[in-house]
Protein backbone atom coordinates (compact mmCIF):
# COMPACT_ATOMS: atom_id res chain seq x y z
CA MET A 1 -75.03 75.99 -28.20
CA ILE A 2 -77.60 73.26 -28.13
CA ILE A 3 -77.76 70.17 -30.30
CA CYS A 4 -80.66 69.67 -32.65
CA PRO A 5 -82.42 66.38 -31.76
CA HIS A 6 -83.27 65.78 -35.43
CA CYS A 7 -79.98 66.40 -37.31
CA SER A 8 -77.46 66.52 -34.40
CA ASN A 9 -75.98 69.86 -35.50
CA ARG A 10 -75.15 72.66 -33.13
CA VAL A 11 -77.73 75.42 -32.89
CA PRO A 12 -77.55 78.70 -30.92
CA PRO A 13 -79.72 78.48 -27.77
CA ASN A 14 -82.03 81.36 -28.73
CA MET A 15 -83.29 79.73 -32.00
CA ARG A 16 -86.65 77.92 -32.19
CA PHE A 17 -85.93 76.25 -35.54
CA CYS A 18 -82.78 74.45 -36.66
CA PRO A 19 -81.00 76.42 -39.41
CA HIS A 20 -79.68 73.13 -40.84
CA CYS A 21 -82.77 70.94 -41.09
CA GLY A 22 -85.54 73.52 -40.51
CA ARG A 23 -87.43 71.51 -37.92
CA ARG A 24 -88.76 72.96 -34.72
CA ILE A 25 -86.51 72.58 -31.72
CA ASP A 26 -88.23 71.81 -28.46
CA VAL A 27 -86.36 73.81 -25.87
CA ASP A 28 -85.15 71.62 -23.09
CA PHE A 29 -83.74 73.92 -20.44
CA ASP A 30 -81.98 71.08 -18.65
CA GLN A 31 -80.13 70.26 -21.85
CA ILE A 32 -79.19 73.93 -22.31
CA LYS A 33 -78.06 74.18 -18.69
CA GLU A 34 -75.87 71.07 -19.02
CA GLN A 35 -74.36 72.25 -22.29
CA LEU A 36 -73.60 75.69 -20.89
CA ALA A 37 -71.96 74.06 -17.87
CA ASP A 38 -69.89 71.82 -20.17
CA GLU A 39 -68.82 74.84 -22.25
CA LYS A 40 -67.84 76.70 -19.10
CA LYS A 41 -65.78 73.70 -17.93
CA ARG A 42 -64.05 73.51 -21.33
CA GLU A 43 -63.27 77.25 -21.24
CA ASP A 44 -61.90 76.97 -17.69
CA TRP A 45 -59.84 73.94 -18.66
CA ALA A 46 -58.43 75.74 -21.71
CA LYS A 47 -57.57 78.77 -19.56
CA LYS A 48 -55.80 76.62 -16.96
CA GLU A 49 -53.96 74.74 -19.69
CA LYS A 50 -52.79 78.02 -21.23
CA GLU A 51 -51.54 79.27 -17.84
CA SER A 52 -49.74 76.00 -17.15
CA ARG A 53 -48.06 76.16 -20.56
CA LYS A 54 -46.84 79.67 -19.76
CA LEU A 55 -45.42 78.49 -16.43
CA LEU A 56 -43.78 75.52 -18.13
CA ALA A 57 -42.21 77.81 -20.75
CA ILE A 58 -40.88 80.12 -18.01
CA ALA A 59 -39.49 77.15 -16.06
CA VAL A 60 -37.75 75.76 -19.15
CA PHE A 61 -36.29 79.19 -19.93
CA LEU A 62 -34.95 79.59 -16.39
CA PHE A 63 -33.51 76.08 -16.45
CA LEU A 64 -31.72 76.73 -19.74
CA LEU A 65 -30.46 80.07 -18.44
CA SER A 66 -29.05 78.48 -15.29
CA LEU A 67 -27.56 75.61 -17.31
CA THR A 68 -25.85 78.13 -19.59
CA PHE A 69 -24.52 79.99 -16.57
CA PHE A 70 -23.04 76.85 -15.00
CA LEU A 71 -21.56 75.60 -18.25
CA SER A 72 -19.90 78.93 -18.96
CA ALA A 73 -18.28 79.12 -15.49
CA PRO A 74 -14.49 78.68 -15.36
CA GLU A 75 -13.23 75.14 -15.03
CA SER A 76 -11.46 75.82 -11.74
CA TRP A 77 -14.79 76.54 -10.11
CA SER A 78 -16.77 73.62 -8.83
CA PRO A 79 -19.97 73.40 -6.83
CA ASN A 80 -17.96 72.07 -3.86
CA SER A 81 -15.56 74.99 -3.78
CA TYR A 82 -16.84 77.94 -1.90
CA PRO A 83 -15.13 80.75 -0.04
CA VAL A 84 -14.04 79.82 3.44
CA TRP A 85 -13.42 82.41 6.11
CA ALA A 86 -9.78 82.74 7.03
CA PRO A 87 -8.19 85.16 9.49
CA PRO A 88 -6.43 88.09 7.89
CA ALA A 89 -2.79 87.56 7.02
CA PRO A 90 -0.33 89.07 9.50
CA GLU A 91 1.35 92.26 8.40
CA PRO A 92 4.95 91.78 7.30
CA GLN A 93 7.55 93.09 9.70
CA ARG A 94 8.95 96.38 8.60
CA GLN A 95 12.64 96.64 8.13
CA LYS A 96 14.60 99.21 10.01
CA PRO A 97 15.21 102.17 7.68
CA GLN A 98 18.72 102.78 6.55
CA GLU A 99 20.43 105.69 8.23
CA TRP A 100 21.03 107.60 5.03
CA LEU A 101 17.26 107.68 4.56
CA LEU A 102 16.88 109.40 7.89
CA GLU A 103 19.29 112.26 7.15
CA LYS A 104 17.58 115.59 6.79
CA THR A 105 19.73 116.70 3.89
CA PRO A 106 20.48 113.79 1.70
CA LYS A 107 23.85 113.46 0.09
CA LEU A 108 23.44 113.54 -3.61
CA PHE A 109 27.08 112.85 -4.46
CA LEU A 110 29.45 110.54 -2.83
CA ASP A 111 32.79 111.95 -1.79
CA MET A 112 35.48 110.36 -3.89
CA PRO A 113 38.98 110.31 -2.46
CA ASN A 114 41.51 112.33 -4.47
CA ASP A 115 44.80 110.67 -5.29
């Protein structure tokens, strides 16, 4: 878009006459080139701003997600507590089996003395 020198309204670059005031527009290619460059800069700036807003929204979402995770963790957990390697616990010593467990035919009834 170019600016009409008579009424200061925006006019498409391919028009010879201003649709607002009707006067002839002298085409100044330097003016058109500068305006096109300015429009391109504005479009690039708007695109970068949109991308940065997306990144900001993602960062805020991840921050809130991590904050929710840490706040919902059990109270016994703290950032300073972490698993520490420890050697495995020694196996408990096995007791010697009772002799009646070693018999091949177990006694189901105890012999009661008869009076």
